[in-house]
């Protein structure tokens, strides 16, 4: 499954176009490397998503074959780390 489609189905982002824009901007990494929207995802991969000063690192647990319900979406991934990036203060 494509990365942008996985981000939408897992509800990590609201729309597929948002996922594509984030990938194009370099805000999405797959296994610690910048990822294109067309990259294929597989269980066990580490996905890092940076948006709005917030960073979320998740491990992909399952790749669905199609659409799933809202309740099933969080079961596709495991949040490893989540934090807010602070801007460095200049003195």
Foldseek 3Di string as FASTA:
>chain_A
DFQLVLCCQLVVDVHSVVSQVQLVVQQKDKQNHRDHRRDDDDAQIWIWGDDPQKIWIKGAHDDDPDHDDPVCSPVRIDTPDIDGHDDDDDD
